[in-house]
């Protein structure tokens, strides 16, 4: 790893540790999810190249491609989460008597719920993929595949913290019911017991 690559990680964590509201928990969850996807991708690539695992090489190559797509999506969600929070803050700062404030808050709150929900769904897909890899990867890389499952579940749970908080003020309508159903599906897919 080159120093400039490490500095980008360092810069992100420095910013995360700052008093700035973004990146926050959503961005951190997305980064953990991206790391889960990267670990799954690595495990699949190493297994695909090992001649002793030739019978699963094609499947492993497909898994690596799928994991790479999840990794890129999760990294993009870091910025999406920050933008969703910024939109919510802008709506919140509108004067209380502004006629458009309620509409802006409702729309911003919906976006601030949807982004971490997509993050959770993507991280759950990483968990499913990593679990599929576990019995097939080389013994030397199994711990990395196991970490992909653990990190993926952590990303799911982190993202769902934001989803639940953002749903709190939402009336029990069709949109909220659909979000709650998606939360249940994510928890099930990721193998997490939850309410």
C-alpha atoms as a PDB file:
ATOM      1  CA  UNK A   1       0.000   0.000   0.000  1.00  0.00           C
ATOM      2  CA  UNK A   2       1.314   3.410  -0.914  1.00  0.00           C
ATOM      3  CA  UNK A   3       1.512   6.155   1.667  1.00  0.00           C
ATOM      4  CA  UNK A   4      -0.909   8.430  -0.230  1.00  0.00           C
ATOM      5  CA  UNK A   5      -3.573   5.689  -0.118  1.00  0.00           C
ATOM      6  CA  UNK A   6      -3.105   5.327   3.637  1.00  0.00           C
ATOM      7  CA  UNK A   7      -3.368   9.090   4.068  1.00  0.00           C
ATOM      8  CA  UNK A   8      -6.807   9.068   2.477  1.00  0.00           C
ATOM      9  CA  UNK A   9      -7.949   6.583   5.087  1.00  0.00           C
ATOM     10  CA  UNK A  10      -6.257   8.680   7.758  1.00  0.00           C
ATOM     11  CA  UNK A  11      -7.940  11.847   6.440  1.00  0.00           C
ATOM     12  CA  UNK A  12     -11.343  10.155   6.522  1.00  0.00           C
ATOM     13  CA  UNK A  13     -10.921   8.964  10.102  1.00  0.00           C
ATOM     14  CA  UNK A  14      -9.575  12.378  11.175  1.00  0.00           C
ATOM     15  CA  UNK A  15     -12.666  13.996   9.684  1.00  0.00           C
ATOM     16  CA  UNK A  16     -14.862  11.346  11.297  1.00  0.00           C
ATOM     17  CA  UNK A  17     -13.281  12.172  14.668  1.00  0.00           C
ATOM     18  CA  UNK A  18     -13.809  15.923  14.220  1.00  0.00           C
ATOM     19  CA  UNK A  19     -16.670  18.041  15.507  1.00  0.00           C
ATOM     20  CA  UNK A  20     -18.118  18.211  11.963  1.00  0.00           C
ATOM     21  CA  UNK A  21     -21.376  16.264  11.626  1.00  0.00           C
ATOM     22  CA  UNK A  22     -20.249  14.564   8.415  1.00  0.00           C
ATOM     23  CA  UNK A  23     -19.001  12.048   7.841  1.00  0.00           C
ATOM     24  CA  UNK A  24     -20.841  10.465  10.709  1.00  0.00           C
ATOM     25  CA  UNK A  25     -22.228   7.086  11.635  1.00  0.00           C
ATOM     26  CA  UNK A  26     -23.729   6.501   8.209  1.00  0.00           C
ATOM     27  CA  UNK A  27     -20.442   7.158   6.451  1.00  0.00           C
ATOM     28  CA  UNK A  28     -18.616   4.967   8.942  1.00  0.00           C
ATOM     29  CA  UNK A  29     -21.130   2.152   8.396  1.00  0.00           C
ATOM     30  CA  UNK A  30     -20.682   2.476   4.632  1.00  0.00           C
ATOM     31  CA  UNK A  31     -16.899   2.262   5.006  1.00  0.00           C
ATOM     32  CA  UNK A  32     -17.196  -0.837   7.196  1.00  0.00           C
ATOM     33  CA  UNK A  33     -19.512  -2.352   4.584  1.00  0.00           C
ATOM     34  CA  UNK A  34     -17.047  -1.514   1.806  1.00  0.00           C
ATOM     35  CA  UNK A  35     -14.305  -3.225   3.808  1.00  0.00           C
ATOM     36  CA  UNK A  36     -16.540  -6.289   4.171  1.00  0.00           C
ATOM     37  CA  UNK A  37     -17.048  -6.342   0.413  1.00  0.00           C
ATOM     38  CA  UNK A  38     -13.299  -5.915  -0.169  1.00  0.00           C
ATOM     39  CA  UNK A  39     -12.516  -8.852   2.119  1.00  0.00           C
ATOM     40  CA  UNK A  40     -15.052 -11.030   0.298  1.00  0.00           C
ATOM     41  CA  UNK A  41     -13.630  -9.905  -3.027  1.00  0.00           C
ATOM     42  CA  UNK A  42     -10.081 -10.740  -1.922  1.00  0.00           C
ATOM     43  CA  UNK A  43     -11.098 -14.180  -0.617  1.00  0.00           C
ATOM     44  CA  UNK A  44     -12.865 -14.974  -3.880  1.00  0.00           C
ATOM     45  CA  UNK A  45      -9.960 -13.754  -6.035  1.00  0.00           C
ATOM     46  CA  UNK A  46      -7.331 -15.722  -4.103  1.00  0.00           C
ATOM     47  CA  UNK A  47      -9.439 -18.877  -4.251  1.00  0.00           C
ATOM     48  CA  UNK A  48     -10.127 -18.420  -7.975  1.00  0.00           C
ATOM     49  CA  UNK A  49      -6.371 -18.276  -8.678  1.00  0.00           C
ATOM     50  CA  UNK A  50      -5.511 -21.357  -6.635  1.00  0.00           C
ATOM     51  CA  UNK A  51      -5.180 -24.394  -8.943  1.00  0.00           C
ATOM     52  CA  UNK A  52      -6.397 -26.715  -6.164  1.00  0.00           C
ATOM     53  CA  UNK A  53      -9.757 -24.919  -6.296  1.00  0.00           C
ATOM     54  CA  UNK A  54     -10.196 -25.087 -10.079  1.00  0.00           C
ATOM     55  CA  UNK A  55     -13.686 -26.578  -9.753  1.00  0.00           C
ATOM     56  CA  UNK A  56     -14.974 -23.354  -8.148  1.00  0.00           C
ATOM     57  CA  UNK A  57     -12.714 -20.889  -9.980  1.00  0.00           C
ATOM     58  CA  UNK A  58     -15.459 -19.541 -12.242  1.00  0.00           C
ATOM     59  CA  UNK A  59     -17.916 -19.151  -9.376  1.00  0.00           C
ATOM     60  CA  UNK A  60     -15.239 -17.411  -7.295  1.00  0.00           C
ATOM     61  CA  UNK A  61     -14.465 -15.030 -10.163  1.00  0.00           C
ATOM     62  CA  UNK A  62     -18.177 -14.169 -10.382  1.00  0.00           C
ATOM     63  CA  UNK A  63     -18.298 -13.633  -6.609  1.00  0.00           C
ATOM     64  CA  UNK A  64     -15.288 -11.311  -6.820  1.00  0.00           C
ATOM     65  CA  UNK A  65     -17.001  -9.261  -9.531  1.00  0.00           C
ATOM     66  CA  UNK A  66     -20.174  -9.035  -7.460  1.00  0.00           C
ATOM     67  CA  UNK A  67     -18.223  -8.059  -4.327  1.00  0.00           C
ATOM     68  CA  UNK A  68     -16.380  -5.339  -6.279  1.00  0.00           C
ATOM     69  CA  UNK A  69     -19.710  -3.857  -7.364  1.00  0.00           C
ATOM     70  CA  UNK A  70     -20.961  -3.853  -3.757  1.00  0.00           C
ATOM     71  CA  UNK A  71     -17.699  -2.249  -2.610  1.00  0.00           C
ATOM     72  CA  UNK A  72     -18.051   0.595  -5.109  1.00  0.00           C
ATOM     73  CA  UNK A  73     -21.711   1.114  -4.199  1.00  0.00           C
ATOM     74  CA  UNK A  74     -20.930   1.238  -0.484  1.00  0.00           C
ATOM     75  CA  UNK A  75     -18.109   3.731  -1.018  1.00  0.00           C
ATOM     76  CA  UNK A  76     -20.481   5.959  -3.021  1.00  0.00           C
ATOM     77  CA  UNK A  77     -22.966   5.780  -0.149  1.00  0.00           C
ATOM     78  CA  UNK A  78     -20.473   7.609   2.104  1.00  0.00           C
ATOM     79  CA  UNK A  79     -21.054  10.783   0.063  1.00  0.00           C
ATOM     80  CA  UNK A  80     -24.765  10.039  -0.365  1.00  0.00           C
ATOM     81  CA  UNK A  81     -25.178   9.794   3.398  1.00  0.00           C
ATOM     82  CA  UNK A  82     -23.400  13.128   3.954  1.00  0.00           C
ATOM     83  CA  UNK A  83     -25.580  14.774   1.286  1.00  0.00           C
ATOM     84  CA  UNK A  84     -28.750  13.356   2.832  1.00  0.00           C
ATOM     85  CA  UNK A  85     -27.755  14.743   6.229  1.00  0.00           C
ATOM     86  CA  UNK A  86     -26.900  18.124   4.701  1.00  0.00           C
ATOM     87  CA  UNK A  87     -30.331  18.221   3.053  1.00  0.00           C
ATOM     88  CA  UNK A  88     -32.021  17.411   6.325  1.00  0.00           C
ATOM     89  CA  UNK A  89     -30.038  20.125   8.139  1.00  0.00           C
ATOM     90  CA  UNK A  90     -30.913  22.691   5.454  1.00  0.00           C
ATOM     91  CA  UNK A  91     -34.600  21.871   5.800  1.00  0.00           C
ATOM     92  CA  UNK A  92     -34.393  21.996   9.599  1.00  0.00           C
ATOM     93  CA  UNK A  93     -32.811  25.458   9.480  1.00  0.00           C
ATOM     94  CA  UNK A  94     -35.733  26.905   7.526  1.00  0.00           C
ATOM     95  CA  UNK A  95     -37.714  29.455   9.535  1.00  0.00           C
ATOM     96  CA  UNK A  96     -40.451  27.749  11.544  1.00  0.00           C
ATOM     97  CA  UNK A  97     -43.104  29.839   9.791  1.00  0.00           C
ATOM     98  CA  UNK A  98     -41.801  29.165   6.267  1.00  0.00           C
ATOM     99  CA  UNK A  99     -44.659  27.625   4.255  1.00  0.00           C
ATOM    100  CA  UNK A 100     -42.381  25.088   2.553  1.00  0.00           C
ATOM    101  CA  UNK A 101     -40.596  23.977   5.736  1.00  0.00           C
ATOM    102  CA  UNK A 102     -42.833  20.982   6.521  1.00  0.00           C
ATOM    103  CA  UNK A 103     -42.618  19.692   2.959  1.00  0.00           C
ATOM    104  CA  UNK A 104     -38.839  20.176   2.874  1.00  0.00           C
ATOM    105  CA  UNK A 105     -38.445  18.400   6.210  1.00  0.00           C
ATOM    106  CA  UNK A 106     -40.633  15.486   5.114  1.00  0.00           C
ATOM    107  CA  UNK A 107     -38.698  15.083   1.845  1.00  0.00           C
ATOM    108  CA  UNK A 108     -35.307  15.451   3.539  1.00  0.00           C
ATOM    109  CA  UNK A 109     -36.301  12.987   6.236  1.00  0.00           C
ATOM    110  CA  UNK A 110     -37.382  10.487   3.582  1.00  0.00           C
ATOM    111  CA  UNK A 111     -34.010  10.798   1.835  1.00  0.00           C
ATOM    112  CA  UNK A 112     -32.177  10.561   5.154  1.00  0.00           C
ATOM    113  CA  UNK A 113     -34.039   7.289   5.779  1.00  0.00           C
ATOM    114  CA  UNK A 114     -33.738   5.855   2.282  1.00  0.00           C
ATOM    115  CA  UNK A 115     -29.951   6.267   1.979  1.00  0.00           C
ATOM    116  CA  UNK A 116     -29.031   4.229   5.078  1.00  0.00           C
ATOM    117  CA  UNK A 117     -31.694   1.694   4.184  1.00  0.00           C
ATOM    118  CA  UNK A 118     -30.040   1.154   0.799  1.00  0.00           C
ATOM    119  CA  UNK A 119     -26.720   0.948   2.650  1.00  0.00           C
ATOM    120  CA  UNK A 120     -28.134  -1.750   4.951  1.00  0.00           C
ATOM    121  CA  UNK A 121     -29.569  -3.682   2.005  1.00  0.00           C
ATOM    122  CA  UNK A 122     -26.240  -3.577   0.187  1.00  0.00           C
ATOM    123  CA  UNK A 123     -24.301  -4.628   3.287  1.00  0.00           C
ATOM    124  CA  UNK A 124     -26.762  -7.499   3.802  1.00  0.00           C
ATOM    125  CA  UNK A 125     -26.044  -8.626   0.231  1.00  0.00           C
ATOM    126  CA  UNK A 126     -22.337  -8.631   1.126  1.00  0.00           C
ATOM    127  CA  UNK A 127     -23.095 -10.840   4.147  1.00  0.00           C
ATOM    128  CA  UNK A 128     -24.997 -13.298   1.951  1.00  0.00           C
ATOM    129  CA  UNK A 129     -22.149 -13.373  -0.554  1.00  0.00           C
ATOM    130  CA  UNK A 130     -19.464 -13.808   2.123  1.00  0.00           C
ATOM    131  CA  UNK A 131     -21.425 -16.633   3.756  1.00  0.00           C
ATOM    132  CA  UNK A 132     -21.628 -18.326   0.361  1.00  0.00           C
ATOM    133  CA  UNK A 133     -17.836 -18.067   0.093  1.00  0.00           C
ATOM    134  CA  UNK A 134     -17.046 -19.502   3.525  1.00  0.00           C
ATOM    135  CA  UNK A 135     -17.239 -23.233   2.726  1.00  0.00           C
ATOM    136  CA  UNK A 136     -15.446 -22.788  -0.607  1.00  0.00           C
ATOM    137  CA  UNK A 137     -12.475 -20.476  -0.021  1.00  0.00           C
ATOM    138  CA  UNK A 138      -8.945 -21.643   0.657  1.00  0.00           C
ATOM    139  CA  UNK A 139      -8.187 -22.426   4.288  1.00  0.00           C
ATOM    140  CA  UNK A 140      -5.628 -19.632   4.489  1.00  0.00           C
ATOM    141  CA  UNK A 141      -8.181 -17.007   3.580  1.00  0.00           C
ATOM    142  CA  UNK A 142     -11.171 -18.305   5.549  1.00  0.00           C
ATOM    143  CA  UNK A 143     -10.640 -15.836   8.417  1.00  0.00           C
ATOM    144  CA  UNK A 144     -10.900 -12.967   5.928  1.00  0.00           C
ATOM    145  CA  UNK A 145     -14.195 -14.321   4.609  1.00  0.00           C
ATOM    146  CA  UNK A 146     -15.437 -14.670   8.187  1.00  0.00           C
ATOM    147  CA  UNK A 147     -14.440 -11.054   8.838  1.00  0.00           C
ATOM    148  CA  UNK A 148     -16.407 -10.056   5.734  1.00  0.00           C
ATOM    149  CA  UNK A 149     -19.517 -11.550   7.362  1.00  0.00           C
ATOM    150  CA  UNK A 150     -18.812  -9.827  10.692  1.00  0.00           C
ATOM    151  CA  UNK A 151     -18.067  -6.436   9.099  1.00  0.00           C
ATOM    152  CA  UNK A 152     -21.091  -6.763   6.810  1.00  0.00           C
ATOM    153  CA  UNK A 153     -23.384  -7.378   9.769  1.00  0.00           C
ATOM    154  CA  UNK A 154     -21.841  -4.435  11.636  1.00  0.00           C
ATOM    155  CA  UNK A 155     -22.521  -2.213   8.611  1.00  0.00           C
ATOM    156  CA  UNK A 156     -26.129  -3.423   8.496  1.00  0.00           C
ATOM    157  CA  UNK A 157     -26.691  -2.711  12.173  1.00  0.00           C
ATOM    158  CA  UNK A 158     -24.984   0.686  11.964  1.00  0.00           C
ATOM    159  CA  UNK A 159     -27.056   1.748   8.983  1.00  0.00           C
ATOM    160  CA  UNK A 160     -30.271   0.545  10.605  1.00  0.00           C
ATOM    161  CA  UNK A 161     -29.562   2.724  13.659  1.00  0.00           C
ATOM    162  CA  UNK A 162     -29.916   5.724  11.346  1.00  0.00           C
ATOM    163  CA  UNK A 163     -32.985   4.283   9.640  1.00  0.00           C
ATOM    164  CA  UNK A 164     -34.768   3.764  12.956  1.00  0.00           C
ATOM    165  CA  UNK A 165     -33.890   7.239  14.243  1.00  0.00           C
ATOM    166  CA  UNK A 166     -35.040   8.863  11.008  1.00  0.00           C
ATOM    167  CA  UNK A 167     -38.321   6.937  11.051  1.00  0.00           C
ATOM    168  CA  UNK A 168     -39.182   8.028  14.601  1.00  0.00           C
ATOM    169  CA  UNK A 169     -41.012  11.202  13.614  1.00  0.00           C
ATOM    170  CA  UNK A 170     -42.670   9.661  10.578  1.00  0.00           C
ATOM    171  CA  UNK A 171     -46.403   8.926  10.851  1.00  0.00           C
ATOM    172  CA  UNK A 172     -47.448   5.296  10.503  1.00  0.00           C
ATOM    173  CA  UNK A 173     -48.279   5.514   6.812  1.00  0.00           C
ATOM    174  CA  UNK A 174     -47.658   3.329   3.761  1.00  0.00           C
ATOM    175  CA  UNK A 175     -44.120   4.662   3.321  1.00  0.00           C
ATOM    176  CA  UNK A 176     -43.157   3.882   6.895  1.00  0.00           C
ATOM    177  CA  UNK A 177     -44.740   0.431   6.649  1.00  0.00           C
ATOM    178  CA  UNK A 178     -42.717  -0.259   3.498  1.00  0.00           C
ATOM    179  CA  UNK A 179     -39.512   0.866   5.247  1.00  0.00           C
ATOM    180  CA  UNK A 180     -40.274  -1.334   8.265  1.00  0.00           C
ATOM    181  CA  UNK A 181     -40.804  -4.311   5.950  1.00  0.00           C
ATOM    182  CA  UNK A 182     -37.483  -3.624   4.249  1.00  0.00           C
ATOM    183  CA  UNK A 183     -35.772  -3.448   7.668  1.00  0.00           C
ATOM    184  CA  UNK A 184     -37.208  -6.862   8.568  1.00  0.00           C
ATOM    185  CA  UNK A 185     -36.015  -8.274   5.232  1.00  0.00           C
ATOM    186  CA  UNK A 186     -32.518  -6.851   5.717  1.00  0.00           C
ATOM    187  CA  UNK A 187     -32.231  -8.324   9.206  1.00  0.00           C
ATOM    188  CA  UNK A 188     -33.384 -11.698   7.904  1.00  0.00           C
ATOM    189  CA  UNK A 189     -30.989 -11.680   4.932  1.00  0.00           C
ATOM    190  CA  UNK A 190     -28.056 -10.703   7.138  1.00  0.00           C
ATOM    191  CA  UNK A 191     -28.915 -13.326   9.770  1.00  0.00           C
ATOM    192  CA  UNK A 192     -29.420 -10.744  12.497  1.00  0.00           C
ATOM    193  CA  UNK A 193     -32.097 -11.153  15.148  1.00  0.00           C
ATOM    194  CA  UNK A 194     -33.954  -7.865  15.516  1.00  0.00           C
ATOM    195  CA  UNK A 195     -37.274  -6.173  15.950  1.00  0.00           C
END
